[in-house]
Amino acid sequence: MERGEQAIATQMDKTPRTDRGRRTLRKLLDAAAAEFGENGFHEASISAITARAGVALGSFYTYFDSKDAIFRALVGDMSEAVKRAAREALTEPMPALDIERAALSAFLRFATEHKEIYRIIDEAEFVDPQSYREHYETIAERILERLREGEKAGEYKSGLEEAHAWAIMGMNVFLGLRYAIWSDGEKSPDDVARLANDLLASGISKEK
C-alpha cells in the first residue's frame, strides 16, 4: 500500500479494495492535485475536485472525510511519486555519485511535469504541518541511506551525518524551484544534475 493510500486508511478504513475503487481514488487524487495546484487549498472545493475527476460528489466521501483529508493524502501520494521517479531512474549497479545525479535529474523532470507539487507542499506547512514535515524527513532519510551505502562501499568519506543529507536535499529543492518551476529551458535536468554532482564530488574551494 502506497503512502497516499496509507493516509486514507487512517480514516475509518476507507482504503479501496477493488481495481475500480483504486481507479476512482487515482482520479480523485489527480483532480485534487490540479485543483489545489491552480487554486490553493482555501479556494479549492470538494465539488470542484469531483467535477475534475468526473465522479459523483457522493463518491468523494467513500474515500475521504473532508478536504483536509484528501489534501493530506495528496501530500503523501506526491511524496511517493517523487520516490518512485527517483527509484525508476536507478539501475544496478551504479556508483554512489551517479545515483545522486540520476535521482536529482529524475526529480527535476518530475517537477517540470508536475509543477503543482511546489505549491501543494509549501501550503502543507500551514494546512497540515505534520505531513509537510514527514515529506521532507522521508526524503532526507532516503538520501542518508544512500550516503551510508556509498560510505560502506568506500566511495564517500567516513563520518557522513544526517545534516549532509539535509544539505543535499536543500540544494535539490531549490534547484527544482529554479530549473523546473521557474525555468525558461536554458538548462536540461541532466545538465543541472551534472553541475550539482560536480559540487558534491569536488566542492567549490580552489585547489591548493
N, C-alpha and C. Protein backbone atom coordinates (compact mmCIF):
# COMPACT_ATOMS: atom_id res chain seq x y z
N MET A 1 0.85 -1.20 0.00
CA MET A 1 0.00 0.00 0.00
C MET A 1 0.89 1.25 0.00
N GLU A 2 0.65 2.17 -0.92
CA GLU A 2 1.46 3.37 -1.03
C GLU A 2 1.07 4.37 0.04
N ARG A 3 1.94 5.38 0.22
CA ARG A 3 1.75 6.30 1.32
C ARG A 3 0.43 7.06 1.22
N GLY A 4 0.03 7.46 -0.02
CA GLY A 4 -1.24 8.15 -0.19
C GLY A 4 -2.41 7.31 0.29
N GLU A 5 -2.34 5.99 0.01
CA GLU A 5 -3.40 5.11 0.46
C GLU A 5 -3.32 4.87 1.97
N GLN A 6 -2.12 4.88 2.52
CA GLN A 6 -1.97 4.72 3.96
C GLN A 6 -2.64 5.87 4.70
N ALA A 7 -2.53 7.09 4.13
CA ALA A 7 -3.18 8.24 4.76
C ALA A 7 -4.69 8.06 4.80
N ILE A 8 -5.22 7.42 3.75
CA ILE A 8 -6.65 7.19 3.70
C ILE A 8 -7.06 6.11 4.70
N ALA A 9 -6.19 5.15 4.89
CA ALA A 9 -6.52 4.02 5.76
C ALA A 9 -6.77 4.45 7.20
N THR A 10 -6.28 5.62 7.57
CA THR A 10 -6.50 6.11 8.94
C THR A 10 -7.91 6.64 9.12
N GLN A 11 -8.65 6.86 8.03
CA GLN A 11 -9.99 7.38 8.13
C GLN A 11 -11.01 6.28 7.98
N MET A 12 -11.30 5.60 9.07
CA MET A 12 -12.39 4.63 9.10
C MET A 12 -12.23 3.56 8.03
N ASP A 13 -10.98 3.16 7.77
CA ASP A 13 -10.69 2.06 6.86
C ASP A 13 -11.30 2.31 5.47
N LYS A 14 -10.97 3.42 4.87
CA LYS A 14 -11.53 3.76 3.56
C LYS A 14 -10.63 3.38 2.40
N THR A 15 -9.61 2.56 2.64
CA THR A 15 -8.73 2.14 1.57
C THR A 15 -9.51 1.32 0.55
N PRO A 16 -9.39 1.64 -0.75
CA PRO A 16 -10.14 0.89 -1.76
C PRO A 16 -9.65 -0.55 -1.86
N ARG A 17 -10.58 -1.47 -2.09
CA ARG A 17 -10.25 -2.89 -2.14
C ARG A 17 -10.44 -3.50 -3.52
N THR A 18 -10.92 -2.72 -4.47
CA THR A 18 -11.14 -3.23 -5.83
C THR A 18 -10.37 -2.37 -6.82
N ASP A 19 -10.15 -2.91 -8.01
CA ASP A 19 -9.47 -2.15 -9.06
C ASP A 19 -10.27 -0.89 -9.41
N ARG A 20 -11.58 -1.04 -9.47
CA ARG A 20 -12.43 0.12 -9.77
C ARG A 20 -12.27 1.20 -8.70
N GLY A 21 -12.24 0.76 -7.44
CA GLY A 21 -12.06 1.72 -6.36
C GLY A 21 -10.72 2.41 -6.43
N ARG A 22 -9.68 1.65 -6.76
CA ARG A 22 -8.35 2.26 -6.87
C ARG A 22 -8.28 3.24 -8.03
N ARG A 23 -8.98 2.93 -9.12
CA ARG A 23 -9.01 3.86 -10.25
C ARG A 23 -9.73 5.15 -9.87
N THR A 24 -10.83 5.02 -9.14
CA THR A 24 -11.56 6.21 -8.69
C THR A 24 -10.70 7.04 -7.75
N LEU A 25 -10.02 6.36 -6.83
CA LEU A 25 -9.13 7.07 -5.92
C LEU A 25 -8.05 7.82 -6.69
N ARG A 26 -7.50 7.17 -7.72
CA ARG A 26 -6.46 7.82 -8.52
C ARG A 26 -7.01 9.06 -9.22
N LYS A 27 -8.22 8.96 -9.75
CA LYS A 27 -8.85 10.11 -10.39
C LYS A 27 -9.02 11.26 -9.40
N LEU A 28 -9.45 10.95 -8.19
CA LEU A 28 -9.67 11.99 -7.18
C LEU A 28 -8.36 12.65 -6.78
N LEU A 29 -7.31 11.85 -6.58
CA LEU A 29 -6.02 12.43 -6.21
C LEU A 29 -5.45 13.28 -7.33
N ASP A 30 -5.56 12.83 -8.57
CA ASP A 30 -5.07 13.62 -9.70
C ASP A 30 -5.86 14.92 -9.84
N ALA A 31 -7.18 14.82 -9.65
CA ALA A 31 -8.01 16.02 -9.73
C ALA A 31 -7.69 16.98 -8.59
N ALA A 32 -7.43 16.44 -7.41
CA ALA A 32 -7.07 17.28 -6.27
C ALA A 32 -5.74 17.99 -6.52
N ALA A 33 -4.80 17.29 -7.14
CA ALA A 33 -3.51 17.92 -7.46
C ALA A 33 -3.72 19.11 -8.38
N ALA A 34 -4.56 18.94 -9.38
CA ALA A 34 -4.83 20.04 -10.31
C ALA A 34 -5.57 21.18 -9.62
N GLU A 35 -6.57 20.85 -8.81
CA GLU A 35 -7.38 21.87 -8.14
C GLU A 35 -6.57 22.65 -7.11
N PHE A 36 -5.86 21.93 -6.22
CA PHE A 36 -5.04 22.61 -5.22
C PHE A 36 -3.89 23.37 -5.88
N GLY A 37 -3.33 22.78 -6.94
CA GLY A 37 -2.22 23.43 -7.62
C GLY A 37 -2.62 24.74 -8.28
N GLU A 38 -3.83 24.80 -8.83
CA GLU A 38 -4.29 26.01 -9.52
C GLU A 38 -4.87 27.04 -8.56
N ASN A 39 -5.63 26.58 -7.58
CA ASN A 39 -6.41 27.50 -6.76
C ASN A 39 -5.97 27.60 -5.30
N GLY A 40 -5.07 26.72 -4.86
CA GLY A 40 -4.67 26.73 -3.46
C GLY A 40 -5.69 26.03 -2.59
N PHE A 41 -5.28 25.69 -1.40
CA PHE A 41 -6.14 24.90 -0.52
C PHE A 41 -7.42 25.63 -0.17
N HIS A 42 -7.35 26.88 0.21
CA HIS A 42 -8.52 27.58 0.74
C HIS A 42 -9.56 27.87 -0.34
N GLU A 43 -9.13 28.10 -1.57
CA GLU A 43 -10.09 28.36 -2.64
C GLU A 43 -10.60 27.09 -3.30
N ALA A 44 -9.89 26.01 -3.14
CA ALA A 44 -10.32 24.74 -3.73
C ALA A 44 -11.58 24.22 -3.02
N SER A 45 -12.35 23.42 -3.72
CA SER A 45 -13.57 22.87 -3.13
C SER A 45 -13.70 21.40 -3.51
N ILE A 46 -14.43 20.67 -2.68
CA ILE A 46 -14.68 19.27 -2.96
C ILE A 46 -15.46 19.11 -4.25
N SER A 47 -16.44 19.96 -4.48
CA SER A 47 -17.25 19.85 -5.70
C SER A 47 -16.39 20.07 -6.94
N ALA A 48 -15.42 20.99 -6.85
CA ALA A 48 -14.53 21.22 -8.00
C ALA A 48 -13.63 20.01 -8.23
N ILE A 49 -13.18 19.39 -7.16
CA ILE A 49 -12.34 18.20 -7.29
C ILE A 49 -13.11 17.06 -7.95
N THR A 50 -14.34 16.82 -7.50
CA THR A 50 -15.12 15.72 -8.09
C THR A 50 -15.49 16.03 -9.54
N ALA A 51 -15.73 17.32 -9.84
CA ALA A 51 -16.04 17.68 -11.23
C ALA A 51 -14.83 17.40 -12.13
N ARG A 52 -13.65 17.76 -11.66
CA ARG A 52 -12.44 17.48 -12.44
C ARG A 52 -12.23 15.98 -12.61
N ALA A 53 -12.56 15.22 -11.56
CA ALA A 53 -12.35 13.77 -11.59
C ALA A 53 -13.42 13.05 -12.41
N GLY A 54 -14.55 13.74 -12.64
CA GLY A 54 -15.64 13.10 -13.37
C GLY A 54 -16.36 12.04 -12.56
N VAL A 55 -16.43 12.27 -11.23
CA VAL A 55 -17.13 11.33 -10.36
C VAL A 55 -18.21 12.08 -9.59
N ALA A 56 -19.16 11.33 -9.08
CA ALA A 56 -20.26 11.95 -8.33
C ALA A 56 -19.74 12.51 -7.00
N LEU A 57 -20.36 13.58 -6.56
CA LEU A 57 -19.94 14.21 -5.31
C LEU A 57 -19.99 13.22 -4.15
N GLY A 58 -21.01 12.39 -4.13
CA GLY A 58 -21.13 11.41 -3.05
C GLY A 58 -19.99 10.41 -3.03
N SER A 59 -19.40 10.15 -4.19
CA SER A 59 -18.29 9.19 -4.25
C SER A 59 -17.08 9.69 -3.47
N PHE A 60 -16.94 10.99 -3.37
CA PHE A 60 -15.81 11.55 -2.64
C PHE A 60 -15.75 11.00 -1.23
N TYR A 61 -16.90 10.94 -0.59
CA TYR A 61 -16.95 10.56 0.82
C TYR A 61 -16.78 9.05 1.04
N THR A 62 -16.74 8.31 -0.05
CA THR A 62 -16.38 6.90 0.05
C THR A 62 -14.91 6.76 0.41
N TYR A 63 -14.11 7.78 0.04
CA TYR A 63 -12.66 7.71 0.21
C TYR A 63 -12.10 8.74 1.19
N PHE A 64 -12.78 9.84 1.35
CA PHE A 64 -12.27 10.93 2.18
C PHE A 64 -13.38 11.53 3.03
N ASP A 65 -12.99 11.97 4.22
CA ASP A 65 -13.96 12.60 5.11
C ASP A 65 -14.10 14.10 4.88
N SER A 66 -13.08 14.71 4.27
CA SER A 66 -13.05 16.17 4.17
C SER A 66 -12.02 16.61 3.14
N LYS A 67 -12.02 17.90 2.87
CA LYS A 67 -11.00 18.49 2.01
C LYS A 67 -9.62 18.36 2.65
N ASP A 68 -9.56 18.52 3.95
CA ASP A 68 -8.29 18.35 4.65
C ASP A 68 -7.75 16.94 4.46
N ALA A 69 -8.63 15.96 4.49
CA ALA A 69 -8.20 14.56 4.39
C ALA A 69 -7.62 14.27 3.02
N ILE A 70 -8.23 14.75 1.96
CA ILE A 70 -7.68 14.48 0.63
C ILE A 70 -6.38 15.26 0.44
N PHE A 71 -6.28 16.42 1.07
CA PHE A 71 -5.02 17.18 0.97
C PHE A 71 -3.88 16.40 1.62
N ARG A 72 -4.14 15.84 2.81
CA ARG A 72 -3.12 15.04 3.49
C ARG A 72 -2.72 13.84 2.65
N ALA A 73 -3.72 13.17 2.09
CA ALA A 73 -3.44 12.00 1.25
C ALA A 73 -2.65 12.40 0.02
N LEU A 74 -2.95 13.57 -0.53
CA LEU A 74 -2.26 14.04 -1.73
C LEU A 74 -0.79 14.32 -1.44
N VAL A 75 -0.49 14.91 -0.30
CA VAL A 75 0.92 15.16 0.06
C VAL A 75 1.67 13.84 0.14
N GLY A 76 1.06 12.84 0.78
CA GLY A 76 1.68 11.53 0.85
C GLY A 76 1.84 10.89 -0.51
N ASP A 77 0.83 11.05 -1.35
CA ASP A 77 0.87 10.50 -2.70
C ASP A 77 1.98 11.14 -3.52
N MET A 78 2.16 12.45 -3.38
CA MET A 78 3.22 13.14 -4.12
C MET A 78 4.60 12.72 -3.62
N SER A 79 4.73 12.54 -2.32
CA SER A 79 6.00 12.06 -1.77
C SER A 79 6.35 10.70 -2.36
N GLU A 80 5.34 9.84 -2.45
CA GLU A 80 5.57 8.51 -3.02
C GLU A 80 5.93 8.61 -4.51
N ALA A 81 5.30 9.53 -5.23
CA ALA A 81 5.58 9.69 -6.65
C ALA A 81 7.01 10.16 -6.88
N VAL A 82 7.48 11.08 -6.03
CA VAL A 82 8.87 11.54 -6.14
C VAL A 82 9.81 10.37 -5.89
N LYS A 83 9.53 9.60 -4.86
CA LYS A 83 10.35 8.42 -4.54
C LYS A 83 10.37 7.46 -5.72
N ARG A 84 9.21 7.21 -6.30
CA ARG A 84 9.12 6.26 -7.41
C ARG A 84 9.90 6.76 -8.63
N ALA A 85 9.81 8.06 -8.92
CA ALA A 85 10.53 8.62 -10.06
C ALA A 85 12.03 8.45 -9.89
N ALA A 86 12.52 8.69 -8.68
CA ALA A 86 13.96 8.53 -8.42
C ALA A 86 14.36 7.07 -8.52
N ARG A 87 13.55 6.19 -7.96
CA ARG A 87 13.87 4.76 -7.96
C ARG A 87 13.92 4.21 -9.38
N GLU A 88 12.99 4.65 -10.22
CA GLU A 88 12.94 4.15 -11.59
C GLU A 88 14.10 4.64 -12.44
N ALA A 89 14.77 5.72 -11.99
CA ALA A 89 15.91 6.26 -12.74
C ALA A 89 17.20 5.53 -12.42
N LEU A 90 17.17 4.67 -11.41
CA LEU A 90 18.38 4.00 -10.97
C LEU A 90 18.47 2.60 -11.56
N THR A 91 19.69 2.22 -11.89
CA THR A 91 19.96 0.87 -12.34
C THR A 91 21.07 0.30 -11.49
N GLU A 92 21.08 -1.00 -11.36
CA GLU A 92 22.11 -1.66 -10.55
C GLU A 92 23.13 -2.33 -11.45
N PRO A 93 24.41 -2.25 -11.09
CA PRO A 93 24.95 -1.40 -10.02
C PRO A 93 25.27 0.00 -10.54
N MET A 94 25.26 1.00 -9.66
CA MET A 94 25.64 2.36 -10.02
C MET A 94 26.57 2.91 -8.95
N PRO A 95 27.61 3.65 -9.36
CA PRO A 95 28.44 4.33 -8.36
C PRO A 95 27.60 5.30 -7.53
N ALA A 96 28.02 5.55 -6.31
CA ALA A 96 27.23 6.36 -5.39
C ALA A 96 26.92 7.75 -5.95
N LEU A 97 27.91 8.41 -6.53
CA LEU A 97 27.67 9.75 -7.07
C LEU A 97 26.74 9.72 -8.27
N ASP A 98 26.81 8.67 -9.07
CA ASP A 98 25.90 8.54 -10.21
C ASP A 98 24.46 8.37 -9.73
N ILE A 99 24.28 7.72 -8.60
CA ILE A 99 22.94 7.57 -8.04
C ILE A 99 22.35 8.93 -7.68
N GLU A 100 23.15 9.79 -7.07
CA GLU A 100 22.66 11.13 -6.70
C GLU A 100 22.34 11.96 -7.94
N ARG A 101 23.19 11.84 -8.95
CA ARG A 101 22.94 12.58 -10.20
C ARG A 101 21.65 12.10 -10.85
N ALA A 102 21.47 10.79 -10.96
CA ALA A 102 20.28 10.25 -11.61
C ALA A 102 19.02 10.58 -10.82
N ALA A 103 19.11 10.52 -9.49
CA ALA A 103 17.94 10.82 -8.65
C ALA A 103 17.53 12.28 -8.79
N LEU A 104 18.51 13.19 -8.81
CA LEU A 104 18.20 14.60 -8.96
C LEU A 104 17.62 14.89 -10.34
N SER A 105 18.21 14.32 -11.36
CA SER A 105 17.70 14.53 -12.71
C SER A 105 16.26 14.05 -12.83
N ALA A 106 15.97 12.90 -12.23
CA ALA A 106 14.60 12.38 -12.26
C ALA A 106 13.64 13.30 -11.52
N PHE A 107 14.07 13.83 -10.37
CA PHE A 107 13.23 14.76 -9.62
C PHE A 107 12.94 16.02 -10.44
N LEU A 108 13.95 16.53 -11.10
CA LEU A 108 13.77 17.75 -11.89
C LEU A 108 12.79 17.51 -13.04
N ARG A 109 12.87 16.35 -13.67
CA ARG A 109 11.91 16.03 -14.73
C ARG A 109 10.51 15.90 -14.16
N PHE A 110 10.41 15.25 -13.00
CA PHE A 110 9.09 15.09 -12.37
C PHE A 110 8.50 16.46 -12.03
N ALA A 111 9.30 17.33 -11.42
CA ALA A 111 8.80 18.65 -11.03
C ALA A 111 8.43 19.49 -12.24
N THR A 112 9.16 19.33 -13.34
CA THR A 112 8.82 20.05 -14.57
C THR A 112 7.46 19.63 -15.08
N GLU A 113 7.15 18.35 -14.96
CA GLU A 113 5.88 17.83 -15.45
C GLU A 113 4.75 18.02 -14.44
N HIS A 114 5.11 18.22 -13.17
CA HIS A 114 4.10 18.36 -12.11
C HIS A 114 4.44 19.60 -11.26
N LYS A 115 4.36 20.74 -11.88
CA LYS A 115 4.77 21.98 -11.21
C LYS A 115 3.94 22.27 -9.97
N GLU A 116 2.75 21.69 -9.92
CA GLU A 116 1.87 21.95 -8.77
C GLU A 116 2.47 21.42 -7.46
N ILE A 117 3.44 20.53 -7.55
CA ILE A 117 3.97 19.93 -6.33
C ILE A 117 4.55 20.98 -5.39
N TYR A 118 5.18 22.02 -5.93
CA TYR A 118 5.78 23.03 -5.06
C TYR A 118 4.71 23.82 -4.31
N ARG A 119 3.65 24.22 -4.99
CA ARG A 119 2.61 24.98 -4.30
C ARG A 119 1.93 24.12 -3.24
N ILE A 120 1.66 22.87 -3.57
CA ILE A 120 0.96 22.00 -2.63
C ILE A 120 1.81 21.69 -1.41
N ILE A 121 3.07 21.34 -1.62
CA ILE A 121 3.95 21.04 -0.49
C ILE A 121 4.17 22.29 0.36
N ASP A 122 4.34 23.44 -0.27
CA ASP A 122 4.52 24.67 0.50
C ASP A 122 3.28 24.98 1.35
N GLU A 123 2.10 24.77 0.78
CA GLU A 123 0.88 25.02 1.55
C GLU A 123 0.73 24.04 2.71
N ALA A 124 1.27 22.86 2.54
CA ALA A 124 1.16 21.85 3.59
C ALA A 124 1.80 22.32 4.89
N GLU A 125 2.78 23.22 4.80
CA GLU A 125 3.41 23.74 6.02
C GLU A 125 2.38 24.36 6.95
N PHE A 126 1.33 24.94 6.37
CA PHE A 126 0.32 25.64 7.16
C PHE A 126 -0.98 24.83 7.28
N VAL A 127 -1.31 24.08 6.22
CA VAL A 127 -2.56 23.31 6.22
C VAL A 127 -2.42 22.05 7.06
N ASP A 128 -1.29 21.38 6.92
CA ASP A 128 -1.06 20.13 7.65
C ASP A 128 0.43 20.00 7.94
N PRO A 129 0.92 20.69 8.98
CA PRO A 129 2.36 20.71 9.27
C PRO A 129 2.98 19.34 9.44
N GLN A 130 2.22 18.37 9.94
CA GLN A 130 2.78 17.04 10.14
C GLN A 130 3.15 16.38 8.81
N SER A 131 2.26 16.46 7.82
CA SER A 131 2.57 15.86 6.52
C SER A 131 3.69 16.62 5.83
N TYR A 132 3.74 17.93 6.05
CA TYR A 132 4.84 18.74 5.49
C TYR A 132 6.18 18.26 6.04
N ARG A 133 6.23 18.08 7.35
CA ARG A 133 7.48 17.63 7.98
C ARG A 133 7.83 16.21 7.53
N GLU A 134 6.83 15.34 7.50
CA GLU A 134 7.07 13.96 7.09
C GLU A 134 7.59 13.88 5.65
N HIS A 135 7.08 14.75 4.79
CA HIS A 135 7.54 14.77 3.39
C HIS A 135 9.05 14.96 3.33
N TYR A 136 9.54 15.98 4.02
CA TYR A 136 10.97 16.27 3.95
C TYR A 136 11.80 15.29 4.77
N GLU A 137 11.27 14.85 5.89
CA GLU A 137 12.01 13.88 6.69
C GLU A 137 12.20 12.57 5.92
N THR A 138 11.16 12.16 5.20
CA THR A 138 11.25 10.93 4.43
C THR A 138 12.29 11.04 3.32
N ILE A 139 12.30 12.17 2.62
CA ILE A 139 13.30 12.36 1.56
C ILE A 139 14.70 12.36 2.15
N ALA A 140 14.89 13.08 3.26
CA ALA A 140 16.21 13.15 3.88
C ALA A 140 16.67 11.77 4.34
N GLU A 141 15.75 10.96 4.84
CA GLU A 141 16.10 9.60 5.26
C GLU A 141 16.59 8.78 4.08
N ARG A 142 15.93 8.92 2.92
CA ARG A 142 16.36 8.17 1.74
C ARG A 142 17.74 8.61 1.29
N ILE A 143 17.98 9.92 1.31
CA ILE A 143 19.30 10.41 0.92
C ILE A 143 20.37 9.91 1.88
N LEU A 144 20.06 9.96 3.17
CA LEU A 144 21.03 9.49 4.16
C LEU A 144 21.33 8.01 3.97
N GLU A 145 20.32 7.23 3.66
CA GLU A 145 20.55 5.80 3.39
C GLU A 145 21.50 5.62 2.23
N ARG A 146 21.33 6.42 1.17
CA ARG A 146 22.22 6.31 0.02
C ARG A 146 23.64 6.74 0.38
N LEU A 147 23.75 7.79 1.20
CA LEU A 147 25.07 8.24 1.62
C LEU A 147 25.77 7.16 2.44
N ARG A 148 25.03 6.52 3.32
CA ARG A 148 25.62 5.47 4.15
C ARG A 148 26.05 4.28 3.29
N GLU A 149 25.26 3.96 2.25
CA GLU A 149 25.64 2.88 1.35
C GLU A 149 26.93 3.23 0.61
N GLY A 150 27.02 4.49 0.16
CA GLY A 150 28.24 4.92 -0.51
C GLY A 150 29.44 4.91 0.42
N GLU A 151 29.19 5.25 1.67
CA GLU A 151 30.25 5.23 2.67
C GLU A 151 30.75 3.81 2.90
N LYS A 152 29.82 2.86 3.02
CA LYS A 152 30.19 1.47 3.23
C LYS A 152 30.97 0.92 2.04
N ALA A 153 30.62 1.40 0.84
CA ALA A 153 31.29 0.92 -0.37
C ALA A 153 32.66 1.58 -0.57
N GLY A 154 33.00 2.51 0.31
CA GLY A 154 34.28 3.19 0.19
C GLY A 154 34.30 4.29 -0.85
N GLU A 155 33.13 4.72 -1.31
CA GLU A 155 33.05 5.75 -2.34
C GLU A 155 32.89 7.15 -1.75
N TYR A 156 32.49 7.24 -0.49
CA TYR A 156 32.38 8.51 0.20
C TYR A 156 33.30 8.49 1.42
N LYS A 157 33.64 9.67 1.90
CA LYS A 157 34.42 9.75 3.13
C LYS A 157 33.58 9.25 4.30
N SER A 158 34.23 8.87 5.36
CA SER A 158 33.52 8.39 6.54
C SER A 158 33.01 9.56 7.38
N GLY A 159 32.04 9.28 8.22
CA GLY A 159 31.52 10.29 9.13
C GLY A 159 30.39 11.13 8.57
N LEU A 160 29.76 10.69 7.49
CA LEU A 160 28.63 11.45 6.95
C LEU A 160 27.46 11.38 7.92
N GLU A 161 26.77 12.50 8.08
CA GLU A 161 25.70 12.61 9.07
C GLU A 161 24.40 13.05 8.42
N GLU A 162 23.36 13.08 9.26
CA GLU A 162 22.04 13.49 8.80
C GLU A 162 22.09 14.88 8.16
N ALA A 163 22.89 15.77 8.73
CA ALA A 163 22.97 17.14 8.19
C ALA A 163 23.45 17.15 6.75
N HIS A 164 24.32 16.22 6.39
CA HIS A 164 24.76 16.14 5.00
C HIS A 164 23.58 15.82 4.08
N ALA A 165 22.73 14.90 4.52
CA ALA A 165 21.56 14.55 3.72
C ALA A 165 20.62 15.73 3.56
N TRP A 166 20.40 16.48 4.65
CA TRP A 166 19.51 17.65 4.58
C TRP A 166 20.12 18.73 3.69
N ALA A 167 21.44 18.87 3.71
CA ALA A 167 22.09 19.86 2.85
C ALA A 167 21.89 19.51 1.38
N ILE A 168 22.05 18.23 1.05
CA ILE A 168 21.84 17.80 -0.33
C ILE A 168 20.38 18.00 -0.73
N MET A 169 19.47 17.64 0.16
CA MET A 169 18.05 17.83 -0.14
C MET A 169 17.73 19.31 -0.35
N GLY A 170 18.28 20.17 0.50
CA GLY A 170 18.03 21.61 0.33
C GLY A 170 18.50 22.11 -1.02
N MET A 171 19.67 21.65 -1.43
CA MET A 171 20.18 22.03 -2.75
C MET A 171 19.22 21.55 -3.84
N ASN A 172 18.79 20.30 -3.73
CA ASN A 172 17.91 19.74 -4.75
C ASN A 172 16.57 20.46 -4.83
N VAL A 173 16.01 20.81 -3.66
CA VAL A 173 14.72 21.50 -3.64
C VAL A 173 14.81 22.85 -4.35
N PHE A 174 15.86 23.59 -4.08
CA PHE A 174 15.96 24.92 -4.70
C PHE A 174 16.42 24.85 -6.15
N LEU A 175 17.15 23.82 -6.52
CA LEU A 175 17.44 23.61 -7.94
C LEU A 175 16.14 23.31 -8.69
N GLY A 176 15.26 22.55 -8.06
CA GLY A 176 13.96 22.28 -8.66
C GLY A 176 13.14 23.55 -8.82
N LEU A 177 13.17 24.39 -7.80
CA LEU A 177 12.42 25.66 -7.89
C LEU A 177 12.92 26.51 -9.05
N ARG A 178 14.25 26.61 -9.16
CA ARG A 178 14.83 27.46 -10.21
C ARG A 178 14.71 26.85 -11.61
N TYR A 179 15.02 25.55 -11.73
CA TYR A 179 15.15 24.98 -13.07
C TYR A 179 13.99 24.08 -13.51
N ALA A 180 13.05 23.82 -12.62
CA ALA A 180 11.84 23.10 -13.02
C ALA A 180 10.62 24.01 -13.00
N ILE A 181 10.51 24.84 -11.95
CA ILE A 181 9.34 25.69 -11.81
C ILE A 181 9.52 27.04 -12.52
N TRP A 182 10.68 27.67 -12.32
CA TRP A 182 10.92 28.97 -12.91
C TRP A 182 11.70 28.90 -14.22
N SER A 183 11.94 27.73 -14.73
CA SER A 183 12.86 27.56 -15.85
C SER A 183 12.33 28.17 -17.15
N ASP A 184 13.26 28.71 -17.93
CA ASP A 184 12.93 29.10 -19.29
C ASP A 184 13.60 28.14 -20.27
N GLY A 185 14.01 26.99 -19.77
CA GLY A 185 14.56 25.95 -20.62
C GLY A 185 16.02 26.09 -20.96
N GLU A 186 16.73 26.96 -20.21
CA GLU A 186 18.13 27.18 -20.56
C GLU A 186 19.04 26.04 -20.15
N LYS A 187 18.60 25.22 -19.19
CA LYS A 187 19.40 24.07 -18.77
C LYS A 187 18.49 22.85 -18.64
N SER A 188 18.95 21.72 -19.12
CA SER A 188 18.18 20.49 -19.02
C SER A 188 18.35 19.90 -17.63
N PRO A 189 17.43 19.03 -17.20
CA PRO A 189 17.60 18.35 -15.91
C PRO A 189 18.94 17.64 -15.79
N ASP A 190 19.38 17.02 -16.87
CA ASP A 190 20.66 16.31 -16.83
C ASP A 190 21.83 17.28 -16.62
N ASP A 191 21.76 18.46 -17.26
CA ASP A 191 22.83 19.45 -17.10
C ASP A 191 22.88 19.96 -15.66
N VAL A 192 21.72 20.26 -15.11
CA VAL A 192 21.67 20.75 -13.73
C VAL A 192 22.17 19.69 -12.77
N ALA A 193 21.73 18.44 -12.97
CA ALA A 193 22.16 17.35 -12.10
C ALA A 193 23.67 17.13 -12.20
N ARG A 194 24.23 17.30 -13.38
CA ARG A 194 25.67 17.13 -13.53
C ARG A 194 26.44 18.19 -12.76
N LEU A 195 25.97 19.44 -12.82
CA LEU A 195 26.63 20.52 -12.08
C LEU A 195 26.55 20.28 -10.57
N ALA A 196 25.38 19.85 -10.11
CA ALA A 196 25.23 19.55 -8.68
C ALA A 196 26.14 18.39 -8.29
N ASN A 197 26.25 17.42 -9.17
CA ASN A 197 27.10 16.26 -8.90
C ASN A 197 28.57 16.66 -8.80
N ASP A 198 28.98 17.60 -9.65
CA ASP A 198 30.36 18.10 -9.59
C ASP A 198 30.61 18.78 -8.24
N LEU A 199 29.59 19.49 -7.75
CA LEU A 199 29.73 20.15 -6.46
C LEU A 199 29.90 19.14 -5.34
N LEU A 200 29.11 18.06 -5.39
CA LEU A 200 29.23 17.02 -4.38
C LEU A 200 30.61 16.33 -4.46
N ALA A 201 31.10 16.16 -5.67
CA ALA A 201 32.34 15.43 -5.86
C ALA A 201 33.57 16.24 -5.48
N SER A 202 33.55 17.53 -5.80
CA SER A 202 34.78 18.33 -5.67
C SER A 202 34.66 19.56 -4.80
N GLY A 203 33.45 19.97 -4.46
CA GLY A 203 33.29 21.21 -3.70
C GLY A 203 33.59 22.41 -4.57
N ILE A 204 33.73 23.58 -3.95
CA ILE A 204 33.99 24.81 -4.73
C ILE A 204 35.27 25.50 -4.27
N SER A 205 35.99 24.91 -3.34
CA SER A 205 37.26 25.52 -2.89
C SER A 205 38.30 25.39 -3.99
N LYS A 206 39.11 26.43 -4.12
CA LYS A 206 40.19 26.39 -5.09
C LYS A 206 41.26 25.41 -4.63
N GLU A 207 41.69 24.57 -5.53
CA GLU A 207 42.73 23.60 -5.17
C GLU A 207 44.02 24.31 -4.82
N LYS A 208 44.68 23.83 -3.76
CA LYS A 208 45.93 24.44 -3.33
C LYS A 208 47.12 23.68 -3.88
